[in-house]
Amino acid sequence: MLETAIQGEFDAPAERPAARLSAADERLLTGLVAGDERSQRIFFDRFQGLVRAHLHRVLRNPSDVDDALQVVFTRAFAGIEGFKGQSSLSTWLYRITANTARNVIRSRARQERLSRAFRWVNLGRRDRLVESPVDERDDVSRLLDALRPKLREVFVLYHHEGLNLREIAEVIDRPLSTVGDRLGRARKQLRALVFDRGGI
């Protein structure tokens, strides 16, 4: 597995048994738990290169990498008391890094689903082509705000969260026919906002 292979960058070779924390790491851990800024700086300087390299290989986008790097160490410092010493500090940090990267990828996928949905809504209106991702996010937010809550809920679950109609019916506890009707009405209203009013 790719994840297993990447983990080798953070930790000792698999054939070597996991060692107890060194005296230096024990002192570092004590400082981290106490919220000592010097210990946090040492920890960051020691691992940030490995964390950044993994994030870059997975996320590719430099902006996403910078943001995710901050998230990883913020979560590490906030959750250090949960470190039980059952693995090395590097392995523990790797898990946080991998989970953070997956969250970014899932967020990208949700945004892309919404973008595809709104490209469909804007179909045929070249004057409504979005000039930047920021403009697109602003347009999406304003259009969704204009929908009634029940219609917005179904539209977001379908296009943003990627649920199918049957799953949405289970989530909101409504018949499948109701879900389909609300999704259709949401799409119709969004197209009306774009075409009849010239967009938001």
C-alpha atoms as a PDB file:
ATOM      1  CA  MET A   1       0.000   0.000   0.000  1.00  0.00           C
ATOM      2  CA  LEU A   2       1.167   3.554  -0.820  1.00  0.00           C
ATOM      3  CA  GLU A   3       0.360   4.700   2.689  1.00  0.00           C
ATOM      4  CA  THR A   4       2.544   1.979   4.195  1.00  0.00           C
ATOM      5  CA  ALA A   5       5.415   2.875   1.909  1.00  0.00           C
ATOM      6  CA  ILE A   6       5.172   6.569   2.748  1.00  0.00           C
ATOM      7  CA  GLN A   7       5.134   5.831   6.464  1.00  0.00           C
ATOM      8  CA  GLY A   8       8.717   4.624   6.134  1.00  0.00           C
ATOM      9  CA  GLU A   9       9.751   8.233   5.588  1.00  0.00           C
ATOM     10  CA  PHE A  10       8.530   9.114   9.038  1.00  0.00           C
ATOM     11  CA  ASP A  11       9.645   6.132  11.044  1.00  0.00           C
ATOM     12  CA  ALA A  12      12.215   3.409  11.452  1.00  0.00           C
ATOM     13  CA  PRO A  13      12.332   0.439   9.037  1.00  0.00           C
ATOM     14  CA  ALA A  14       9.571  -2.076   9.658  1.00  0.00           C
ATOM     15  CA  GLU A  15      11.932  -4.899  10.599  1.00  0.00           C
ATOM     16  CA  ARG A  16      13.279  -3.007  13.615  1.00  0.00           C
ATOM     17  CA  PRO A  17      11.137  -3.269  16.775  1.00  0.00           C
ATOM     18  CA  ALA A  18       9.639  -0.064  18.053  1.00  0.00           C
ATOM     19  CA  ALA A  19      11.935   1.507  20.654  1.00  0.00           C
ATOM     20  CA  ARG A  20      10.946   3.359  23.773  1.00  0.00           C
ATOM     21  CA  LEU A  21      11.106   7.122  23.600  1.00  0.00           C
ATOM     22  CA  SER A  22      14.602   8.421  24.119  1.00  0.00           C
ATOM     23  CA  ALA A  23      15.337  10.595  27.136  1.00  0.00           C
ATOM     24  CA  ALA A  24      15.431  13.623  24.829  1.00  0.00           C
ATOM     25  CA  ASP A  25      12.020  12.757  23.364  1.00  0.00           C
ATOM     26  CA  GLU A  26      10.630  12.229  26.853  1.00  0.00           C
ATOM     27  CA  ARG A  27      11.754  15.735  27.790  1.00  0.00           C
ATOM     28  CA  LEU A  28      10.355  17.085  24.539  1.00  0.00           C
ATOM     29  CA  LEU A  29       7.027  15.369  25.173  1.00  0.00           C
ATOM     30  CA  THR A  30       6.858  16.787  28.696  1.00  0.00           C
ATOM     31  CA  GLY A  31       7.405  20.270  27.316  1.00  0.00           C
ATOM     32  CA  LEU A  32       4.793  19.792  24.600  1.00  0.00           C
ATOM     33  CA  VAL A  33       2.191  18.618  27.098  1.00  0.00           C
ATOM     34  CA  ALA A  34       2.952  21.684  29.221  1.00  0.00           C
ATOM     35  CA  GLY A  35       2.472  23.943  26.202  1.00  0.00           C
ATOM     36  CA  ASP A  36       6.083  25.113  26.280  1.00  0.00           C
ATOM     37  CA  GLU A  37       6.730  27.269  23.204  1.00  0.00           C
ATOM     38  CA  ARG A  38      10.385  26.265  22.936  1.00  0.00           C
ATOM     39  CA  SER A  39       9.407  22.586  22.869  1.00  0.00           C
ATOM     40  CA  GLN A  40       6.801  23.319  20.206  1.00  0.00           C
ATOM     41  CA  ARG A  41       9.397  25.134  18.101  1.00  0.00           C
ATOM     42  CA  ILE A  42      11.838  22.217  18.415  1.00  0.00           C
ATOM     43  CA  PHE A  43       9.101  19.748  17.467  1.00  0.00           C
ATOM     44  CA  PHE A  44       8.070  21.860  14.463  1.00  0.00           C
ATOM     45  CA  ASP A  45      11.648  22.330  13.249  1.00  0.00           C
ATOM     46  CA  ARG A  46      12.316  18.617  13.584  1.00  0.00           C
ATOM     47  CA  PHE A  47       9.310  17.334  11.664  1.00  0.00           C
ATOM     48  CA  GLN A  48       8.010  20.106   9.430  1.00  0.00           C
ATOM     49  CA  GLY A  49      10.195  19.054   6.488  1.00  0.00           C
ATOM     50  CA  LEU A  50       8.850  15.499   6.506  1.00  0.00           C
ATOM     51  CA  VAL A  51       5.273  16.654   6.963  1.00  0.00           C
ATOM     52  CA  ARG A  52       5.551  19.214   4.166  1.00  0.00           C
ATOM     53  CA  ALA A  53       7.126  16.674   1.789  1.00  0.00           C
ATOM     54  CA  HIS A  54       4.284  14.193   2.344  1.00  0.00           C
ATOM     55  CA  LEU A  55       1.604  16.868   1.961  1.00  0.00           C
ATOM     56  CA  HIS A  56       3.225  18.107  -1.252  1.00  0.00           C
ATOM     57  CA  ARG A  57       3.266  14.642  -2.794  1.00  0.00           C
ATOM     58  CA  VAL A  58      -0.387  14.085  -1.924  1.00  0.00           C
ATOM     59  CA  LEU A  59      -1.935  17.545  -2.395  1.00  0.00           C
ATOM     60  CA  ARG A  60       0.415  19.095  -5.008  1.00  0.00           C
ATOM     61  CA  ASN A  61      -1.046  22.588  -4.606  1.00  0.00           C
ATOM     62  CA  PRO A  62       1.428  24.788  -2.633  1.00  0.00           C
ATOM     63  CA  SER A  63      -1.352  26.843  -1.052  1.00  0.00           C
ATOM     64  CA  ASP A  64      -3.123  23.709   0.155  1.00  0.00           C
ATOM     65  CA  VAL A  65       0.172  22.367   1.485  1.00  0.00           C
ATOM     66  CA  ASP A  66       0.860  25.529   3.508  1.00  0.00           C
ATOM     67  CA  ASP A  67      -2.642  25.537   4.984  1.00  0.00           C
ATOM     68  CA  ALA A  68      -2.555  21.812   5.763  1.00  0.00           C
ATOM     69  CA  LEU A  69       0.864  22.130   7.412  1.00  0.00           C
ATOM     70  CA  GLN A  70      -0.563  24.642   9.870  1.00  0.00           C
ATOM     71  CA  VAL A  71      -3.520  22.370  10.553  1.00  0.00           C
ATOM     72  CA  VAL A  72      -1.289  19.352  11.199  1.00  0.00           C
ATOM     73  CA  PHE A  73       0.823  21.063  13.839  1.00  0.00           C
ATOM     74  CA  THR A  74      -2.128  22.852  15.397  1.00  0.00           C
ATOM     75  CA  ARG A  75      -3.835  19.480  15.829  1.00  0.00           C
ATOM     76  CA  ALA A  76      -0.637  17.906  17.089  1.00  0.00           C
ATOM     77  CA  PHE A  77      -0.091  20.545  19.761  1.00  0.00           C
ATOM     78  CA  ALA A  78      -3.760  20.487  20.773  1.00  0.00           C
ATOM     79  CA  GLY A  79      -3.865  16.693  20.962  1.00  0.00           C
ATOM     80  CA  ILE A  80      -0.434  15.921  22.417  1.00  0.00           C
ATOM     81  CA  GLU A  81      -1.932  14.808  25.717  1.00  0.00           C
ATOM     82  CA  GLY A  82      -3.546  11.958  23.808  1.00  0.00           C
ATOM     83  CA  PHE A  83      -0.141  10.568  22.814  1.00  0.00           C
ATOM     84  CA  LYS A  84       0.250   7.343  24.817  1.00  0.00           C
ATOM     85  CA  GLY A  85       3.745   6.357  23.748  1.00  0.00           C
ATOM     86  CA  GLN A  86       2.535   3.245  21.915  1.00  0.00           C
ATOM     87  CA  SER A  87       4.349   4.459  18.793  1.00  0.00           C
ATOM     88  CA  SER A  88       7.082   6.945  18.019  1.00  0.00           C
ATOM     89  CA  LEU A  89       6.280  10.639  17.869  1.00  0.00           C
ATOM     90  CA  SER A  90       6.901  10.533  14.116  1.00  0.00           C
ATOM     91  CA  THR A  91       4.360   7.739  13.553  1.00  0.00           C
ATOM     92  CA  TRP A  92       1.786   9.572  15.667  1.00  0.00           C
ATOM     93  CA  LEU A  93       2.389  12.765  13.674  1.00  0.00           C
ATOM     94  CA  TYR A  94       2.207  10.834  10.416  1.00  0.00           C
ATOM     95  CA  ARG A  95      -1.324   9.695  11.252  1.00  0.00           C
ATOM     96  CA  ILE A  96      -2.378  13.304  11.839  1.00  0.00           C
ATOM     97  CA  THR A  97      -0.715  14.314   8.559  1.00  0.00           C
ATOM     98  CA  ALA A  98      -2.389  11.551   6.553  1.00  0.00           C
ATOM     99  CA  ASN A  99      -5.821  12.317   8.034  1.00  0.00           C
ATOM    100  CA  THR A 100      -5.395  16.031   7.337  1.00  0.00           C
ATOM    101  CA  ALA A 101      -4.444  15.349   3.713  1.00  0.00           C
ATOM    102  CA  ARG A 102      -7.483  13.109   3.269  1.00  0.00           C
ATOM    103  CA  ASN A 103      -9.724  15.833   4.698  1.00  0.00           C
ATOM    104  CA  VAL A 104      -8.332  18.359   2.204  1.00  0.00           C
ATOM    105  CA  ILE A 105      -8.919  15.942  -0.674  1.00  0.00           C
ATOM    106  CA  ARG A 106     -12.490  15.294   0.477  1.00  0.00           C
ATOM    107  CA  SER A 107     -13.087  19.039   0.745  1.00  0.00           C
ATOM    108  CA  ARG A 108     -11.753  19.503  -2.782  1.00  0.00           C
ATOM    109  CA  ALA A 109     -14.078  16.795  -4.060  1.00  0.00           C
ATOM    110  CA  ARG A 110     -17.095  18.412  -2.401  1.00  0.00           C
ATOM    111  CA  GLN A 111     -16.200  21.795  -3.875  1.00  0.00           C
ATOM    112  CA  GLU A 112     -15.708  20.264  -7.314  1.00  0.00           C
ATOM    113  CA  ARG A 113     -19.135  18.609  -7.149  1.00  0.00           C
ATOM    114  CA  LEU A 114     -20.691  21.972  -6.340  1.00  0.00           C
ATOM    115  CA  SER A 115     -18.707  23.634  -9.119  1.00  0.00           C
ATOM    116  CA  ARG A 116     -19.920  21.057 -11.635  1.00  0.00           C
ATOM    117  CA  ALA A 117     -23.484  21.584 -10.468  1.00  0.00           C
ATOM    118  CA  PHE A 118     -23.245  25.334 -10.936  1.00  0.00           C
ATOM    119  CA  ARG A 119     -21.528  25.017 -14.276  1.00  0.00           C
ATOM    120  CA  TRP A 120     -24.673  23.111 -15.263  1.00  0.00           C
ATOM    121  CA  VAL A 121     -26.817  25.912 -13.865  1.00  0.00           C
ATOM    122  CA  ASN A 122     -24.812  28.492 -15.819  1.00  0.00           C
ATOM    123  CA  LEU A 123     -24.895  26.462 -19.025  1.00  0.00           C
ATOM    124  CA  GLY A 124     -25.378  28.664 -22.053  1.00  0.00           C
ATOM    125  CA  ARG A 125     -24.565  31.943 -20.345  1.00  0.00           C
ATOM    126  CA  ARG A 126     -21.065  32.921 -21.444  1.00  0.00           C
ATOM    127  CA  ASP A 127     -21.429  36.294 -19.751  1.00  0.00           C
ATOM    128  CA  ARG A 128     -21.685  34.435 -16.436  1.00  0.00           C
ATOM    129  CA  LEU A 129     -18.379  32.601 -16.769  1.00  0.00           C
ATOM    130  CA  VAL A 130     -16.563  32.848 -13.456  1.00  0.00           C
ATOM    131  CA  GLU A 131     -13.206  34.585 -13.558  1.00  0.00           C
ATOM    132  CA  SER A 132     -11.598  33.039 -10.458  1.00  0.00           C
ATOM    133  CA  PRO A 133     -12.191  30.349  -7.822  1.00  0.00           C
ATOM    134  CA  VAL A 134     -12.953  33.074  -5.269  1.00  0.00           C
ATOM    135  CA  ASP A 135     -15.613  34.602  -7.526  1.00  0.00           C
ATOM    136  CA  GLU A 136     -17.072  31.146  -8.073  1.00  0.00           C
ATOM    137  CA  ARG A 137     -17.289  30.401  -4.340  1.00  0.00           C
ATOM    138  CA  ASP A 138     -18.974  33.775  -3.751  1.00  0.00           C
ATOM    139  CA  ASP A 139     -21.511  33.095  -6.512  1.00  0.00           C
ATOM    140  CA  VAL A 140     -22.233  29.626  -5.155  1.00  0.00           C
ATOM    141  CA  SER A 141     -22.778  30.966  -1.643  1.00  0.00           C
ATOM    142  CA  ARG A 142     -25.157  33.705  -2.792  1.00  0.00           C
ATOM    143  CA  LEU A 143     -27.140  31.346  -4.995  1.00  0.00           C
ATOM    144  CA  LEU A 144     -27.520  28.786  -2.220  1.00  0.00           C
ATOM    145  CA  ASP A 145     -28.619  31.493   0.226  1.00  0.00           C
ATOM    146  CA  ALA A 146     -31.455  32.350  -2.161  1.00  0.00           C
ATOM    147  CA  LEU A 147     -32.936  28.841  -1.951  1.00  0.00           C
ATOM    148  CA  ARG A 148     -35.507  27.799   0.602  1.00  0.00           C
ATOM    149  CA  PRO A 149     -33.822  25.762   3.381  1.00  0.00           C
ATOM    150  CA  LYS A 150     -35.514  22.472   2.436  1.00  0.00           C
ATOM    151  CA  LEU A 151     -34.451  22.803  -1.184  1.00  0.00           C
ATOM    152  CA  ARG A 152     -30.952  23.950  -0.266  1.00  0.00           C
ATOM    153  CA  GLU A 153     -30.563  20.964   2.062  1.00  0.00           C
ATOM    154  CA  VAL A 154     -31.292  18.415  -0.664  1.00  0.00           C
ATOM    155  CA  PHE A 155     -29.205  20.246  -3.270  1.00  0.00           C
ATOM    156  CA  VAL A 156     -26.158  20.369  -0.969  1.00  0.00           C
ATOM    157  CA  LEU A 157     -26.510  16.737   0.111  1.00  0.00           C
ATOM    158  CA  TYR A 158     -26.650  15.640  -3.521  1.00  0.00           C
ATOM    159  CA  HIS A 159     -24.148  17.939  -5.204  1.00  0.00           C
ATOM    160  CA  HIS A 160     -21.801  18.790  -2.307  1.00  0.00           C
ATOM    161  CA  GLU A 161     -21.808  15.674  -0.142  1.00  0.00           C
ATOM    162  CA  GLY A 162     -22.234  13.240  -3.040  1.00  0.00           C
ATOM    163  CA  LEU A 163     -25.175  11.302  -1.570  1.00  0.00           C
ATOM    164  CA  ASN A 164     -27.610   9.598  -3.910  1.00  0.00           C
ATOM    165  CA  LEU A 165     -31.360  10.192  -3.725  1.00  0.00           C
ATOM    166  CA  ARG A 166     -32.065   7.103  -1.626  1.00  0.00           C
ATOM    167  CA  GLU A 167     -29.379   8.043   0.902  1.00  0.00           C
ATOM    168  CA  ILE A 168     -30.754  11.579   1.127  1.00  0.00           C
ATOM    169  CA  ALA A 169     -34.236  10.189   1.736  1.00  0.00           C
ATOM    170  CA  GLU A 170     -32.850   8.252   4.694  1.00  0.00           C
ATOM    171  CA  VAL A 171     -30.953  11.255   6.039  1.00  0.00           C
ATOM    172  CA  ILE A 172     -33.884  13.678   5.982  1.00  0.00           C
ATOM    173  CA  ASP A 173     -36.505  10.979   6.638  1.00  0.00           C
ATOM    174  CA  ARG A 174     -38.647  11.820   3.629  1.00  0.00           C
ATOM    175  CA  PRO A 175     -39.973   9.696   0.729  1.00  0.00           C
ATOM    176  CA  LEU A 176     -37.734   9.224  -2.280  1.00  0.00           C
ATOM    177  CA  SER A 177     -40.267  11.051  -4.443  1.00  0.00           C
ATOM    178  CA  THR A 178     -40.076  14.085  -2.149  1.00  0.00           C
ATOM    179  CA  VAL A 179     -36.293  14.160  -2.413  1.00  0.00           C
ATOM    180  CA  GLY A 180     -36.430  14.004  -6.210  1.00  0.00           C
ATOM    181  CA  ASP A 181     -39.038  16.749  -6.314  1.00  0.00           C
ATOM    182  CA  ARG A 182     -37.010  19.047  -4.043  1.00  0.00           C
ATOM    183  CA  LEU A 183     -33.827  18.503  -6.029  1.00  0.00           C
ATOM    184  CA  GLY A 184     -35.638  19.291  -9.265  1.00  0.00           C
ATOM    185  CA  ARG A 185     -37.186  22.430  -7.797  1.00  0.00           C
ATOM    186  CA  ALA A 186     -33.826  23.543  -6.412  1.00  0.00           C
ATOM    187  CA  ARG A 187     -32.216  23.197  -9.836  1.00  0.00           C
ATOM    188  CA  LYS A 188     -35.110  25.000 -11.496  1.00  0.00           C
ATOM    189  CA  GLN A 189     -34.959  27.908  -9.057  1.00  0.00           C
ATOM    190  CA  LEU A 190     -31.193  28.212  -9.434  1.00  0.00           C
ATOM    191  CA  ARG A 191     -31.491  28.372 -13.206  1.00  0.00           C
ATOM    192  CA  ALA A 192     -34.196  31.007 -12.826  1.00  0.00           C
ATOM    193  CA  LEU A 193     -31.895  33.066 -10.625  1.00  0.00           C
ATOM    194  CA  VAL A 194     -29.127  32.903 -13.206  1.00  0.00           C
ATOM    195  CA  PHE A 195     -31.199  33.335 -16.366  1.00  0.00           C
ATOM    196  CA  ASP A 196     -34.221  35.427 -15.416  1.00  0.00           C
ATOM    197  CA  ARG A 197     -32.431  37.760 -12.995  1.00  0.00           C
ATOM    198  CA  GLY A 198     -29.060  37.703 -14.706  1.00  0.00           C
ATOM    199  CA  GLY A 199     -27.397  35.945 -11.790  1.00  0.00           C
ATOM    200  CA  ILE A 200     -26.660  36.940  -8.238  1.00  0.00           C
END
